[in-house]
PDB file of N, CA and C in Angstrom:
ATOM      1  N   UNK A   1     -13.795 -31.090  27.687  1.00  0.00           N
ATOM      2  CA  UNK A   1     -14.387 -32.377  27.976  1.00  0.00           C
ATOM      3  C   UNK A   1     -13.293 -33.448  27.952  1.00  0.00           C
ATOM      4  N   UNK A   2     -13.313 -34.296  28.935  1.00  0.00           N
ATOM      5  CA  UNK A   2     -12.274 -35.314  29.092  1.00  0.00           C
ATOM      6  C   UNK A   2     -12.543 -36.534  28.202  1.00  0.00           C
ATOM      7  N   UNK A   3     -11.469 -37.192  27.798  1.00  0.00           N
ATOM      8  CA  UNK A   3     -11.596 -38.426  27.030  1.00  0.00           C
ATOM      9  C   UNK A   3     -11.585 -39.637  27.942  1.00  0.00           C
ATOM     10  N   UNK A   4     -11.620 -39.404  29.255  1.00  0.00           N
ATOM     11  CA  UNK A   4     -11.598 -40.483  30.236  1.00  0.00           C
ATOM     12  C   UNK A   4     -12.903 -40.467  31.026  1.00  0.00           C
ATOM     13  N   UNK A   5     -13.470 -41.655  31.227  1.00  0.00           N
ATOM     14  CA  UNK A   5     -14.690 -41.807  32.020  1.00  0.00           C
ATOM     15  C   UNK A   5     -14.368 -42.648  33.236  1.00  0.00           C
ATOM     16  N   UNK A   6     -14.820 -42.221  34.381  1.00  0.00           N
ATOM     17  CA  UNK A   6     -14.669 -43.007  35.594  1.00  0.00           C
ATOM     18  C   UNK A   6     -16.075 -43.336  36.080  1.00  0.00           C
ATOM     19  N   UNK A   7     -16.343 -44.629  36.228  1.00  0.00           N
ATOM     20  CA  UNK A   7     -17.673 -45.123  36.583  1.00  0.00           C
ATOM     21  C   UNK A   7     -17.556 -45.945  37.859  1.00  0.00           C
ATOM     22  N   UNK A   8     -18.515 -45.783  38.754  1.00  0.00           N
ATOM     23  CA  UNK A   8     -18.503 -46.570  39.984  1.00  0.00           C
ATOM     24  C   UNK A   8     -19.899 -47.131  40.268  1.00  0.00           C
ATOM     25  N   UNK A   9     -19.916 -48.252  40.956  1.00  0.00           N
ATOM     26  CA  UNK A   9     -21.174 -48.827  41.439  1.00  0.00           C
ATOM     27  C   UNK A   9     -21.269 -48.654  42.959  1.00  0.00           C
ATOM     28  N   UNK A  10     -20.382 -47.863  43.512  1.00  0.00           N
ATOM     29  CA  UNK A  10     -20.333 -47.654  44.949  1.00  0.00           C
ATOM     30  C   UNK A  10     -19.356 -48.590  45.643  1.00  0.00           C
ATOM     31  N   UNK A  11     -19.007 -49.685  44.976  1.00  0.00           N
ATOM     32  CA  UNK A  11     -18.051 -50.652  45.519  1.00  0.00           C
ATOM     33  C   UNK A  11     -16.721 -50.590  44.788  1.00  0.00           C
ATOM     34  N   UNK A  12     -16.802 -50.495  43.467  1.00  0.00           N
ATOM     35  CA  UNK A  12     -15.596 -50.486  42.637  1.00  0.00           C
ATOM     36  C   UNK A  12     -15.660 -49.325  41.677  1.00  0.00           C
ATOM     37  N   UNK A  13     -14.493 -48.916  41.226  1.00  0.00           N
ATOM     38  CA  UNK A  13     -14.374 -47.817  40.285  1.00  0.00           C
ATOM     39  C   UNK A  13     -13.681 -48.346  39.031  1.00  0.00           C
ATOM     40  N   UNK A  14     -14.198 -47.976  37.882  1.00  0.00           N
ATOM     41  CA  UNK A  14     -13.621 -48.393  36.608  1.00  0.00           C
ATOM     42  C   UNK A  14     -13.350 -47.162  35.758  1.00  0.00           C
ATOM     43  N   UNK A  15     -12.207 -47.130  35.108  1.00  0.00           N
ATOM     44  CA  UNK A  15     -11.845 -46.037  34.210  1.00  0.00           C
ATOM     45  C   UNK A  15     -11.832 -46.559  32.786  1.00  0.00           C
ATOM     46  N   UNK A  16     -12.417 -45.774  31.904  1.00  0.00           N
ATOM     47  CA  UNK A  16     -12.493 -46.127  30.489  1.00  0.00           C
ATOM     48  C   UNK A  16     -12.056 -44.943  29.647  1.00  0.00           C
ATOM     49  N   UNK A  17     -11.506 -45.260  28.510  1.00  0.00           N
ATOM     50  CA  UNK A  17     -11.237 -44.267  27.474  1.00  0.00           C
ATOM     51  C   UNK A  17     -12.540 -44.108  26.695  1.00  0.00           C
ATOM     52  N   UNK A  18     -12.890 -42.884  26.334  1.00  0.00           N
ATOM     53  CA  UNK A  18     -14.105 -42.668  25.548  1.00  0.00           C
ATOM     54  C   UNK A  18     -13.939 -43.310  24.172  1.00  0.00           C
ATOM     55  N   UNK A  19     -14.954 -44.007  23.674  1.00  0.00           N
ATOM     56  CA  UNK A  19     -14.851 -44.598  22.333  1.00  0.00           C
ATOM     57  C   UNK A  19     -14.800 -43.510  21.255  1.00  0.00           C
ATOM     58  N   UNK A  20     -14.029 -43.794  20.233  1.00  0.00           N
ATOM     59  CA  UNK A  20     -13.928 -42.867  19.096  1.00  0.00           C
ATOM     60  C   UNK A  20     -15.073 -43.121  18.125  1.00  0.00           C
ATOM     61  N   UNK A  21     -15.243 -42.227  17.184  1.00  0.00           N
ATOM     62  CA  UNK A  21     -16.269 -42.392  16.145  1.00  0.00           C
ATOM     63  C   UNK A  21     -16.032 -43.693  15.369  1.00  0.00           C
ATOM     64  N   UNK A  22     -14.786 -43.971  15.045  1.00  0.00           N
ATOM     65  CA  UNK A  22     -14.456 -45.202  14.302  1.00  0.00           C
ATOM     66  C   UNK A  22     -14.809 -46.444  15.127  1.00  0.00           C
ATOM     67  N   UNK A  23     -14.563 -46.390  16.428  1.00  0.00           N
ATOM     68  CA  UNK A  23     -14.898 -47.538  17.289  1.00  0.00           C
ATOM     69  C   UNK A  23     -16.405 -47.739  17.392  1.00  0.00           C
ATOM     70  N   UNK A  24     -17.162 -46.652  17.419  1.00  0.00           N
ATOM     71  CA  UNK A  24     -18.626 -46.763  17.457  1.00  0.00           C
ATOM     72  C   UNK A  24     -19.130 -47.374  16.153  1.00  0.00           C
ATOM     73  N   UNK A  25     -18.597 -46.926  15.027  1.00  0.00           N
ATOM     74  CA  UNK A  25     -19.006 -47.489  13.736  1.00  0.00           C
ATOM     75  C   UNK A  25     -18.655 -48.978  13.661  1.00  0.00           C
ATOM     76  N   UNK A  26     -17.466 -49.341  14.139  1.00  0.00           N
ATOM     77  CA  UNK A  26     -17.049 -50.746  14.138  1.00  0.00           C
ATOM     78  C   UNK A  26     -17.974 -51.569  15.044  1.00  0.00           C
ATOM     79  N   UNK A  27     -18.387 -50.983  16.158  1.00  0.00           N
ATOM     80  CA  UNK A  27     -19.300 -51.663  17.070  1.00  0.00           C
ATOM     81  C   UNK A  27     -20.618 -51.998  16.375  1.00  0.00           C
ATOM     82  N   UNK A  28     -21.180 -51.044  15.647  1.00  0.00           N
ATOM     83  CA  UNK A  28     -22.416 -51.314  14.909  1.00  0.00           C
ATOM     84  C   UNK A  28     -22.217 -52.445  13.908  1.00  0.00           C
ATOM     85  N   UNK A  29     -21.082 -52.439  13.218  1.00  0.00           N
ATOM     86  CA  UNK A  29     -20.788 -53.506  12.257  1.00  0.00           C
ATOM     87  C   UNK A  29     -20.685 -54.859  12.957  1.00  0.00           C
ATOM     88  N   UNK A  30     -20.032 -54.889  14.125  1.00  0.00           N
ATOM     89  CA  UNK A  30     -19.876 -56.143  14.858  1.00  0.00           C
ATOM     90  C   UNK A  30     -21.213 -56.629  15.416  1.00  0.00           C
ATOM     91  N   UNK A  31     -22.058 -55.701  15.868  1.00  0.00           N
ATOM     92  CA  UNK A  31     -23.397 -56.103  16.331  1.00  0.00           C
ATOM     93  C   UNK A  31     -24.154 -56.783  15.197  1.00  0.00           C
ATOM     94  N   UNK A  32     -24.033 -56.231  14.002  1.00  0.00           N
ATOM     95  CA  UNK A  32     -24.719 -56.796  12.841  1.00  0.00           C
ATOM     96  C   UNK A  32     -24.134 -58.155  12.458  1.00  0.00           C
ATOM     97  N   UNK A  33     -22.828 -58.254  12.472  1.00  0.00           N
ATOM     98  CA  UNK A  33     -22.134 -59.476  12.046  1.00  0.00           C
ATOM     99  C   UNK A  33     -22.264 -60.610  13.062  1.00  0.00           C
ATOM    100  N   UNK A  34     -22.234 -60.282  14.358  1.00  0.00           N
ATOM    101  CA  UNK A  34     -22.239 -61.299  15.416  1.00  0.00           C
ATOM    102  C   UNK A  34     -23.506 -61.227  16.257  1.00  0.00           C
ATOM    103  N   UNK A  35     -24.658 -61.229  15.598  1.00  0.00           N
ATOM    104  CA  UNK A  35     -25.941 -61.107  16.290  1.00  0.00           C
ATOM    105  C   UNK A  35     -26.164 -62.210  17.324  1.00  0.00           C
ATOM    106  N   UNK A  36     -25.535 -63.340  17.140  1.00  0.00           N
ATOM    107  CA  UNK A  36     -25.702 -64.448  18.084  1.00  0.00           C
ATOM    108  C   UNK A  36     -24.753 -64.339  19.282  1.00  0.00           C
ATOM    109  N   UNK A  37     -23.922 -63.280  19.318  1.00  0.00           N
ATOM    110  CA  UNK A  37     -22.975 -63.122  20.420  1.00  0.00           C
ATOM    111  C   UNK A  37     -22.811 -61.644  20.805  1.00  0.00           C
ATOM    112  N   UNK A  38     -23.930 -60.963  20.991  1.00  0.00           N
ATOM    113  CA  UNK A  38     -23.897 -59.540  21.320  1.00  0.00           C
ATOM    114  C   UNK A  38     -23.151 -59.306  22.629  1.00  0.00           C
ATOM    115  N   UNK A  39     -23.378 -60.152  23.623  1.00  0.00           N
ATOM    116  CA  UNK A  39     -22.697 -59.953  24.907  1.00  0.00           C
ATOM    117  C   UNK A  39     -21.186 -60.080  24.750  1.00  0.00           C
ATOM    118  N   UNK A  40     -20.739 -60.971  23.887  1.00  0.00           N
ATOM    119  CA  UNK A  40     -19.301 -61.107  23.626  1.00  0.00           C
ATOM    120  C   UNK A  40     -18.727 -59.846  22.995  1.00  0.00           C
ATOM    121  N   UNK A  41     -19.474 -59.268  22.070  1.00  0.00           N
ATOM    122  CA  UNK A  41     -19.043 -58.025  21.426  1.00  0.00           C
ATOM    123  C   UNK A  41     -18.991 -56.902  22.461  1.00  0.00           C
ATOM    124  N   UNK A  42     -20.004 -56.835  23.322  1.00  0.00           N
ATOM    125  CA  UNK A  42     -20.045 -55.797  24.354  1.00  0.00           C
ATOM    126  C   UNK A  42     -18.854 -55.925  25.301  1.00  0.00           C
ATOM    127  N   UNK A  43     -18.579 -57.151  25.748  1.00  0.00           N
ATOM    128  CA  UNK A  43     -17.475 -57.367  26.691  1.00  0.00           C
ATOM    129  C   UNK A  43     -16.132 -57.046  26.052  1.00  0.00           C
ATOM    130  N   UNK A  44     -15.924 -57.522  24.838  1.00  0.00           N
ATOM    131  CA  UNK A  44     -14.670 -57.261  24.124  1.00  0.00           C
ATOM    132  C   UNK A  44     -14.459 -55.764  23.948  1.00  0.00           C
ATOM    133  N   UNK A  45     -15.522 -55.060  23.610  1.00  0.00           N
ATOM    134  CA  UNK A  45     -15.438 -53.619  23.404  1.00  0.00           C
ATOM    135  C   UNK A  45     -15.101 -52.894  24.702  1.00  0.00           C
ATOM    136  N   UNK A  46     -15.790 -53.251  25.787  1.00  0.00           N
ATOM    137  CA  UNK A  46     -15.503 -52.617  27.081  1.00  0.00           C
ATOM    138  C   UNK A  46     -14.074 -52.873  27.523  1.00  0.00           C
ATOM    139  N   UNK A  47     -13.623 -54.114  27.366  1.00  0.00           N
ATOM    140  CA  UNK A  47     -12.249 -54.442  27.761  1.00  0.00           C
ATOM    141  C   UNK A  47     -11.230 -53.647  26.949  1.00  0.00           C
ATOM    142  N   UNK A  48     -11.544 -53.388  25.680  1.00  0.00           N
ATOM    143  CA  UNK A  48     -10.615 -52.620  24.843  1.00  0.00           C
ATOM    144  C   UNK A  48     -10.532 -51.158  25.284  1.00  0.00           C
ATOM    145  N   UNK A  49     -11.571 -50.667  25.965  1.00  0.00           N
ATOM    146  CA  UNK A  49     -11.610 -49.276  26.418  1.00  0.00           C
ATOM    147  C   UNK A  49     -11.181 -49.111  27.874  1.00  0.00           C
ATOM    148  N   UNK A  50     -11.115 -50.219  28.610  1.00  0.00           N
ATOM    149  CA  UNK A  50     -10.832 -50.165  30.051  1.00  0.00           C
ATOM    150  C   UNK A  50      -9.366 -49.870  30.331  1.00  0.00           C
ATOM    151  N   UNK A  51      -9.152 -49.070  31.355  1.00  0.00           N
ATOM    152  CA  UNK A  51      -7.786 -48.768  31.790  1.00  0.00           C
ATOM    153  C   UNK A  51      -7.173 -49.986  32.480  1.00  0.00           C
ATOM    154  N   UNK A  52      -7.954 -50.667  33.327  1.00  0.00           N
ATOM    155  CA  UNK A  52      -7.493 -51.863  34.042  1.00  0.00           C
ATOM    156  C   UNK A  52      -8.305 -53.059  33.561  1.00  0.00           C
ATOM    157  N   UNK A  53      -7.862 -53.637  32.455  1.00  0.00           N
ATOM    158  CA  UNK A  53      -8.590 -54.729  31.811  1.00  0.00           C
ATOM    159  C   UNK A  53      -8.755 -55.941  32.726  1.00  0.00           C
ATOM    160  N   UNK A  54      -7.723 -56.266  33.472  1.00  0.00           N
ATOM    161  CA  UNK A  54      -7.758 -57.443  34.351  1.00  0.00           C
ATOM    162  C   UNK A  54      -8.804 -57.282  35.455  1.00  0.00           C
ATOM    163  N   UNK A  55      -8.848 -56.120  36.071  1.00  0.00           N
ATOM    164  CA  UNK A  55      -9.823 -55.849  37.119  1.00  0.00           C
ATOM    165  C   UNK A  55     -11.244 -55.920  36.567  1.00  0.00           C
ATOM    166  N   UNK A  56     -11.469 -55.339  35.398  1.00  0.00           N
ATOM    167  CA  UNK A  56     -12.792 -55.369  34.778  1.00  0.00           C
ATOM    168  C   UNK A  56     -13.186 -56.799  34.415  1.00  0.00           C
ATOM    169  N   UNK A  57     -12.265 -57.558  33.847  1.00  0.00           N
ATOM    170  CA  UNK A  57     -12.555 -58.950  33.471  1.00  0.00           C
ATOM    171  C   UNK A  57     -12.925 -59.772  34.703  1.00  0.00           C
ATOM    172  N   UNK A  58     -12.213 -59.578  35.797  1.00  0.00           N
ATOM    173  CA  UNK A  58     -12.516 -60.289  37.039  1.00  0.00           C
ATOM    174  C   UNK A  58     -13.891 -59.903  37.555  1.00  0.00           C
ATOM    175  N   UNK A  59     -14.191 -58.613  37.538  1.00  0.00           N
ATOM    176  CA  UNK A  59     -15.495 -58.132  37.989  1.00  0.00           C
ATOM    177  C   UNK A  59     -16.619 -58.745  37.152  1.00  0.00           C
ATOM    178  N   UNK A  60     -16.442 -58.752  35.829  1.00  0.00           N
ATOM    179  CA  UNK A  60     -17.481 -59.294  34.944  1.00  0.00           C
ATOM    180  C   UNK A  60     -17.608 -60.805  35.092  1.00  0.00           C
ATOM    181  N   UNK A  61     -16.543 -61.467  35.477  1.00  0.00           N
ATOM    182  CA  UNK A  61     -16.606 -62.909  35.747  1.00  0.00           C
ATOM    183  C   UNK A  61     -17.469 -63.144  36.987  1.00  0.00           C
ATOM    184  N   UNK A  62     -17.323 -62.289  37.985  1.00  0.00           N
ATOM    185  CA  UNK A  62     -18.084 -62.429  39.233  1.00  0.00           C
ATOM    186  C   UNK A  62     -19.510 -61.917  39.104  1.00  0.00           C
ATOM    187  N   UNK A  63     -19.702 -60.884  38.304  1.00  0.00           N
ATOM    188  CA  UNK A  63     -21.021 -60.258  38.141  1.00  0.00           C
ATOM    189  C   UNK A  63     -21.326 -60.049  36.657  1.00  0.00           C
ATOM    190  N   UNK A  64     -21.583 -61.128  35.917  1.00  0.00           N
ATOM    191  CA  UNK A  64     -21.800 -60.995  34.481  1.00  0.00           C
ATOM    192  C   UNK A  64     -23.035 -60.162  34.120  1.00  0.00           C
ATOM    193  N   UNK A  65     -23.980 -60.066  35.027  1.00  0.00           N
ATOM    194  CA  UNK A  65     -25.177 -59.276  34.764  1.00  0.00           C
ATOM    195  C   UNK A  65     -24.925 -57.779  34.734  1.00  0.00           C
ATOM    196  N   UNK A  66     -23.770 -57.356  35.195  1.00  0.00           N
ATOM    197  CA  UNK A  66     -23.432 -55.929  35.192  1.00  0.00           C
ATOM    198  C   UNK A  66     -22.964 -55.452  33.820  1.00  0.00           C
ATOM    199  N   UNK A  67     -22.702 -56.369  32.914  1.00  0.00           N
ATOM    200  CA  UNK A  67     -22.168 -56.006  31.593  1.00  0.00           C
ATOM    201  C   UNK A  67     -23.037 -54.975  30.871  1.00  0.00           C
ATOM    202  N   UNK A  68     -24.346 -55.188  30.711  1.00  0.00           N
ATOM    203  CA  UNK A  68     -25.137 -54.193  29.969  1.00  0.00           C
ATOM    204  C   UNK A  68     -25.139 -52.811  30.635  1.00  0.00           C
ATOM    205  N   UNK A  69     -25.193 -52.772  31.957  1.00  0.00           N
ATOM    206  CA  UNK A  69     -25.216 -51.485  32.656  1.00  0.00           C
ATOM    207  C   UNK A  69     -23.912 -50.715  32.435  1.00  0.00           C
ATOM    208  N   UNK A  70     -22.772 -51.402  32.557  1.00  0.00           N
ATOM    209  CA  UNK A  70     -21.475 -50.757  32.316  1.00  0.00           C
ATOM    210  C   UNK A  70     -21.358 -50.294  30.866  1.00  0.00           C
ATOM    211  N   UNK A  71     -21.712 -51.168  29.950  1.00  0.00           N
ATOM    212  CA  UNK A  71     -21.639 -50.854  28.525  1.00  0.00           C
ATOM    213  C   UNK A  71     -22.481 -49.618  28.214  1.00  0.00           C
ATOM    214  N   UNK A  72     -23.730 -49.624  28.701  1.00  0.00           N
ATOM    215  CA  UNK A  72     -24.624 -48.499  28.425  1.00  0.00           C
ATOM    216  C   UNK A  72     -24.083 -47.193  28.998  1.00  0.00           C
ATOM    217  N   UNK A  73     -23.533 -47.245  30.200  1.00  0.00           N
ATOM    218  CA  UNK A  73     -23.007 -46.028  30.830  1.00  0.00           C
ATOM    219  C   UNK A  73     -21.838 -45.459  30.026  1.00  0.00           C
ATOM    220  N   UNK A  74     -20.940 -46.319  29.557  1.00  0.00           N
ATOM    221  CA  UNK A  74     -19.799 -45.857  28.761  1.00  0.00           C
ATOM    222  C   UNK A  74     -20.280 -45.252  27.439  1.00  0.00           C
ATOM    223  N   UNK A  75     -21.219 -45.927  26.777  1.00  0.00           N
ATOM    224  CA  UNK A  75     -21.643 -45.478  25.456  1.00  0.00           C
ATOM    225  C   UNK A  75     -22.675 -44.359  25.477  1.00  0.00           C
ATOM    226  N   UNK A  76     -23.252 -44.070  26.642  1.00  0.00           N
ATOM    227  CA  UNK A  76     -24.110 -42.888  26.771  1.00  0.00           C
ATOM    228  C   UNK A  76     -23.310 -41.625  26.459  1.00  0.00           C
ATOM    229  N   UNK A  77     -22.026 -41.670  26.759  1.00  0.00           N
ATOM    230  CA  UNK A  77     -21.161 -40.507  26.559  1.00  0.00           C
ATOM    231  C   UNK A  77     -20.944 -40.165  25.092  1.00  0.00           C
ATOM    232  N   UNK A  78     -21.280 -41.082  24.201  1.00  0.00           N
ATOM    233  CA  UNK A  78     -21.113 -40.821  22.769  1.00  0.00           C
ATOM    234  C   UNK A  78     -22.443 -40.907  22.023  1.00  0.00           C
ATOM    235  N   UNK A  79     -23.543 -40.758  22.757  1.00  0.00           N
ATOM    236  CA  UNK A  79     -24.837 -40.638  22.100  1.00  0.00           C
ATOM    237  C   UNK A  79     -25.794 -41.796  22.242  1.00  0.00           C
ATOM    238  N   UNK A  80     -25.342 -42.954  22.742  1.00  0.00           N
ATOM    239  CA  UNK A  80     -26.267 -44.061  22.956  1.00  0.00           C
ATOM    240  C   UNK A  80     -27.251 -43.613  24.033  1.00  0.00           C
ATOM    241  N   UNK A  81     -28.493 -43.895  23.844  1.00  0.00           N
ATOM    242  CA  UNK A  81     -29.490 -43.516  24.826  1.00  0.00           C
ATOM    243  C   UNK A  81     -29.999 -42.093  24.629  1.00  0.00           C
ATOM    244  N   UNK A  82     -29.518 -41.428  23.607  1.00  0.00           N
ATOM    245  CA  UNK A  82     -30.000 -40.075  23.300  1.00  0.00           C
ATOM    246  C   UNK A  82     -31.489 -40.163  22.970  1.00  0.00           C
ATOM    247  N   UNK A  83     -32.257 -39.273  23.531  1.00  0.00           N
ATOM    248  CA  UNK A  83     -33.710 -39.270  23.281  1.00  0.00           C
ATOM    249  C   UNK A  83     -34.095 -38.214  22.267  1.00  0.00           C
ATOM    250  N   UNK A  84     -34.912 -38.620  21.320  1.00  0.00           N
ATOM    251  CA  UNK A  84     -35.421 -37.706  20.300  1.00  0.00           C
ATOM    252  C   UNK A  84     -36.935 -37.800  20.297  1.00  0.00           C
ATOM    253  N   UNK A  85     -37.573 -36.694  19.975  1.00  0.00           N
ATOM    254  CA  UNK A  85     -39.030 -36.646  19.870  1.00  0.00           C
ATOM    255  C   UNK A  85     -39.415 -36.204  18.485  1.00  0.00           C
ATOM    256  N   UNK A  86     -40.472 -36.803  17.932  1.00  0.00           N
ATOM    257  CA  UNK A  86     -41.023 -36.338  16.663  1.00  0.00           C
ATOM    258  C   UNK A  86     -41.832 -35.090  16.990  1.00  0.00           C
ATOM    259  N   UNK A  87     -41.500 -33.980  16.360  1.00  0.00           N
ATOM    260  CA  UNK A  87     -42.220 -32.751  16.623  1.00  0.00           C
ATOM    261  C   UNK A  87     -43.075 -32.302  15.424  1.00  0.00           C
ATOM    262  N   UNK A  88     -42.870 -32.995  14.314  1.00  0.00           N
ATOM    263  CA  UNK A  88     -43.657 -32.656  13.129  1.00  0.00           C
ATOM    264  C   UNK A  88     -43.697 -33.849  12.199  1.00  0.00           C
ATOM    265  N   UNK A  89     -44.843 -34.073  11.596  1.00  0.00           N
ATOM    266  CA  UNK A  89     -45.001 -35.168  10.625  1.00  0.00           C
ATOM    267  C   UNK A  89     -45.489 -34.620   9.307  1.00  0.00           C
TER     268      UNK A  89
END
């Protein structure tokens, strides 16, 4: 399994390094600490993982609404969005 993710929207391609366990834990801490600036935490985190930070920053400046979709796609690779079902109570 590769530590590199390449994501495209059909127009542009972005490469990211997969987040480490320590980075995921730090992300949870930052979400808790900066609840009034979740989008800032998301953007900072994505930029820290991006191969071409300048290109990503420019894209997010032009299309700020794409931030959650990009963030979710990157973090799906480390368990975000994992679905669980209660099978016994």
